[in-house]
Amino acid sequence: MLKCRLFFFFITTILFIGCESETSSKKTYLDIDSLISTQVKNLTEAKAHVLKTASLGNAKDQSEFSPDSLGWTTELDIFRQLDIINKPTNKDSYEVLDGQKDVNSNLSVRSYTAKSELPVRLLKLYYFNDLKNLKKLEAVFAEKNTLYATERSLSLTFDEIAGKNTLANYSIDGIQKMIISDTVHFAVKCSIIYQ
């Protein structure tokens, strides 16, 4: 009887520890694909406009337009690339720090720093009290192959609009170097206009 109880205790302990570590690893990552899909839905429903300033080298352009669902999907698609941190093969490829205090605000920061040469080099999530209350996302994304090398800094900022945590602005800033040309700097800065 004692052996049976010890066996039961041993199995229960292993299951508990296994569930606990699985739960904590699930809490570590953010589903970026779902985040972008939710923002596309919110922006489409709000009939939001975007004021976009883009520059490539010395050339600069500004435009204002009102994307539909497909337009917002296209606009924000580059941010879906950050979801690479959620691939099972990358589970242990990032150093994750959580609960750091942002020196410029009252927000907490969760950061992911790549331990090796991965496309998402750095991801920072700024949140208020809980990750569900995300206020800002910053990332560094880099790619390199035989034809070109590029590095981009990506940023999303959120505000509470109509009771929803909704995108307020986003930006992409980077450089690209083609094999037989000069390095080109590009930047896109967008502000969302709600009616």
Protein backbone atom coordinates (compact mmCIF):
# COMPACT_ATOMS: atom_id res chain seq x y z
CA MET A 1 0.00 0.00 0.00
CA LEU A 2 2.83 2.35 0.88
CA LYS A 3 4.57 1.59 -2.45
CA CYS A 4 1.32 2.40 -4.28
CA ARG A 5 1.01 5.77 -2.49
CA LEU A 6 4.65 6.64 -3.17
CA PHE A 7 4.21 5.71 -6.82
CA PHE A 8 1.03 7.84 -7.04
CA PHE A 9 2.80 10.76 -5.32
CA PHE A 10 5.79 10.43 -7.68
CA ILE A 11 3.58 10.39 -10.82
CA THR A 12 1.48 13.33 -9.55
CA THR A 13 4.62 15.35 -8.82
CA ILE A 14 6.06 14.71 -12.30
CA LEU A 15 2.76 15.65 -13.97
CA PHE A 16 2.48 18.81 -11.87
CA ILE A 17 6.03 19.91 -12.67
CA GLY A 18 5.55 19.11 -16.36
CA CYS A 19 2.30 21.10 -16.53
CA GLU A 20 3.85 23.99 -14.64
CA SER A 21 6.85 24.29 -16.94
CA GLU A 22 4.62 23.99 -20.04
CA THR A 23 2.34 26.72 -18.71
CA SER A 24 5.22 29.05 -17.88
CA SER A 25 6.77 28.60 -21.33
CA LYS A 26 3.42 29.37 -22.96
CA LYS A 27 3.21 32.59 -20.92
CA THR A 28 6.63 33.64 -22.22
CA TYR A 29 5.62 34.27 -25.83
CA LEU A 30 3.16 36.61 -27.55
CA ASP A 31 1.04 35.44 -30.48
CA ILE A 32 2.02 38.21 -32.89
CA ASP A 33 -0.05 36.80 -35.74
CA SER A 34 -3.22 37.05 -33.60
CA LEU A 35 -2.21 40.53 -32.43
CA ILE A 36 -1.95 41.77 -36.04
CA SER A 37 -5.22 40.06 -37.06
CA THR A 38 -7.02 41.73 -34.14
CA GLN A 39 -5.60 45.13 -35.11
CA VAL A 40 -6.67 44.67 -38.75
CA LYS A 41 -10.21 43.92 -37.52
CA ASN A 42 -10.26 46.91 -35.12
CA LEU A 43 -8.88 49.34 -37.73
CA THR A 44 -11.30 48.14 -40.41
CA GLU A 45 -14.31 48.42 -38.08
CA ALA A 46 -13.23 51.92 -36.99
CA LYS A 47 -12.82 53.00 -40.65
CA ALA A 48 -9.44 54.40 -39.64
CA HIS A 49 -7.22 56.46 -41.95
CA VAL A 50 -3.46 56.40 -42.05
CA LEU A 51 -1.12 59.34 -42.55
CA LYS A 52 2.05 57.82 -44.00
CA THR A 53 5.43 59.45 -44.49
CA ALA A 54 7.96 57.38 -46.41
CA SER A 55 11.54 58.08 -47.36
CA LEU A 56 14.04 56.19 -49.47
CA GLY A 57 17.48 57.74 -49.47
CA ASN A 58 16.87 61.47 -50.03
CA ALA A 59 13.41 61.05 -51.61
CA LYS A 60 10.43 61.65 -49.34
CA ASP A 61 6.69 61.22 -49.86
CA GLN A 62 3.57 61.68 -47.75
CA SER A 63 0.07 60.34 -48.29
CA GLU A 64 -3.21 59.83 -46.45
CA PHE A 65 -5.58 56.99 -47.25
CA SER A 66 -8.24 54.76 -45.74
CA PRO A 67 -7.37 51.07 -46.20
CA ASP A 68 -9.97 48.32 -46.22
CA SER A 69 -9.37 44.98 -44.49
CA LEU A 70 -7.02 43.77 -47.24
CA GLY A 71 -5.21 47.11 -47.22
CA TRP A 72 -4.59 46.94 -43.46
CA THR A 73 -3.45 43.34 -43.80
CA THR A 74 -0.91 44.43 -46.42
CA GLU A 75 0.18 47.47 -44.36
CA LEU A 76 0.86 45.42 -41.22
CA ASP A 77 2.06 42.18 -42.82
CA ILE A 78 5.73 42.96 -42.20
CA PHE A 79 5.10 42.74 -38.45
CA ARG A 80 3.90 39.12 -38.82
CA GLN A 81 7.52 38.17 -39.58
CA LEU A 82 8.24 38.70 -35.89
CA ASP A 83 6.18 35.60 -35.10
CA ILE A 84 9.31 33.56 -35.91
CA ILE A 85 10.10 33.70 -32.18
CA ASN A 86 7.15 31.35 -31.63
CA LYS A 87 8.52 28.53 -33.80
CA PRO A 88 9.20 25.41 -31.70
CA THR A 89 12.77 25.28 -33.07
CA ASN A 90 13.41 28.73 -31.57
CA LYS A 91 12.02 27.92 -28.13
CA ASP A 92 15.41 28.11 -26.41
CA SER A 93 17.01 30.55 -28.86
CA TYR A 94 16.10 33.70 -26.94
CA GLU A 95 17.04 35.10 -23.58
CA VAL A 96 13.76 36.30 -22.08
CA LEU A 97 13.65 38.95 -19.37
CA ASP A 98 10.34 40.10 -17.92
CA GLY A 99 9.20 42.71 -15.44
CA GLN A 100 11.91 45.24 -16.24
CA LYS A 101 10.79 48.81 -15.60
CA ASP A 102 10.91 51.25 -18.52
CA VAL A 103 12.92 54.29 -17.42
CA ASN A 104 10.80 56.62 -19.60
CA SER A 105 7.33 55.55 -18.44
CA ASN A 106 5.32 53.56 -15.92
CA LEU A 107 5.38 50.49 -18.18
CA SER A 108 6.99 47.11 -17.65
CA VAL A 109 9.12 45.51 -20.38
CA ARG A 110 9.47 41.93 -21.56
CA SER A 111 12.47 41.52 -23.85
CA TYR A 112 13.61 38.69 -26.12
CA THR A 113 17.27 38.78 -27.16
CA ALA A 114 18.50 36.26 -29.72
CA LYS A 115 21.33 34.05 -28.53
CA SER A 116 22.46 33.43 -32.13
CA GLU A 117 22.08 34.90 -35.65
CA LEU A 118 18.27 34.74 -35.99
CA PRO A 119 16.17 37.13 -38.11
CA VAL A 120 14.45 38.60 -35.02
CA ARG A 121 17.46 39.90 -33.11
CA LEU A 122 15.53 41.75 -30.42
CA LEU A 123 11.88 42.08 -29.42
CA LYS A 124 10.66 44.35 -26.63
CA LEU A 125 7.09 44.44 -25.37
CA TYR A 126 6.05 47.40 -23.22
CA TYR A 127 2.92 46.78 -21.17
CA PHE A 128 0.90 48.19 -18.29
CA ASN A 129 0.36 45.68 -15.44
CA ASP A 130 -0.28 42.72 -17.78
CA LEU A 131 0.94 41.71 -21.24
CA LYS A 132 -2.69 41.82 -22.42
CA ASN A 133 -2.44 45.59 -21.94
CA LEU A 134 0.34 46.00 -24.54
CA LYS A 135 1.29 49.64 -25.17
CA LYS A 136 4.32 49.35 -27.43
CA LEU A 137 6.26 46.75 -29.41
CA GLU A 138 9.79 47.34 -30.70
CA ALA A 139 11.88 44.88 -32.69
CA VAL A 140 15.04 44.54 -34.74
CA PHE A 141 14.75 42.24 -37.76
CA ALA A 142 17.75 41.39 -39.94
CA GLU A 143 18.23 39.28 -43.07
CA LYS A 144 21.37 38.48 -44.99
CA ASN A 145 22.00 36.36 -48.07
CA THR A 146 24.35 36.40 -51.07
CA LEU A 147 22.38 39.18 -52.84
CA TYR A 148 21.56 41.62 -50.06
CA ALA A 149 21.63 42.45 -46.36
CA THR A 150 18.92 44.38 -44.58
CA GLU A 151 18.21 45.45 -41.03
CA ARG A 152 14.91 46.99 -39.90
CA SER A 153 13.74 48.52 -36.65
CA LEU A 154 9.98 47.97 -36.29
CA SER A 155 7.65 49.69 -33.87
CA LEU A 156 3.94 49.52 -32.99
CA THR A 157 2.32 51.83 -30.43
CA PHE A 158 -1.15 51.25 -28.95
CA ASP A 159 -3.76 53.45 -27.24
CA GLU A 160 -7.12 52.60 -25.74
CA ILE A 161 -9.74 53.68 -28.27
CA ALA A 162 -13.43 52.87 -27.78
CA GLY A 163 -12.50 50.46 -24.99
CA LYS A 164 -10.06 48.48 -27.15
CA ASN A 165 -6.28 48.41 -27.14
CA THR A 166 -5.85 49.73 -30.69
CA LEU A 167 -2.95 50.68 -32.91
CA ALA A 168 -2.07 54.39 -32.74
CA ASN A 169 1.06 54.48 -34.92
CA TYR A 170 3.71 52.27 -36.45
CA SER A 171 7.09 52.71 -38.06
CA ILE A 172 9.78 50.87 -39.97
CA ASP A 173 13.30 52.26 -40.15
CA GLY A 174 16.20 50.48 -41.75
CA ILE A 175 19.01 50.02 -44.19
CA GLN A 176 19.45 47.77 -47.19
CA LYS A 177 22.68 46.89 -48.94
CA MET A 178 22.54 45.18 -52.33
CA ILE A 179 25.62 43.29 -53.52
CA ILE A 180 26.52 45.77 -56.30
CA SER A 181 25.08 49.02 -54.94
CA ASP A 182 25.36 51.46 -52.06
CA THR A 183 23.61 51.13 -48.74
CA VAL A 184 20.17 52.74 -48.83
CA HIS A 185 18.33 54.07 -45.80
CA PHE A 186 14.54 53.79 -45.75
CA ALA A 187 11.90 54.84 -43.25
CA VAL A 188 8.12 54.61 -43.00
CA LYS A 189 6.26 56.45 -40.25
CA CYS A 190 2.50 56.09 -39.95
CA SER A 191 -0.07 57.71 -37.70
CA ILE A 192 -3.58 56.32 -37.41
CA ILE A 193 -6.45 58.80 -37.65
CA TYR A 194 -9.74 57.79 -36.07
CA GLN A 195 -12.97 59.57 -36.95
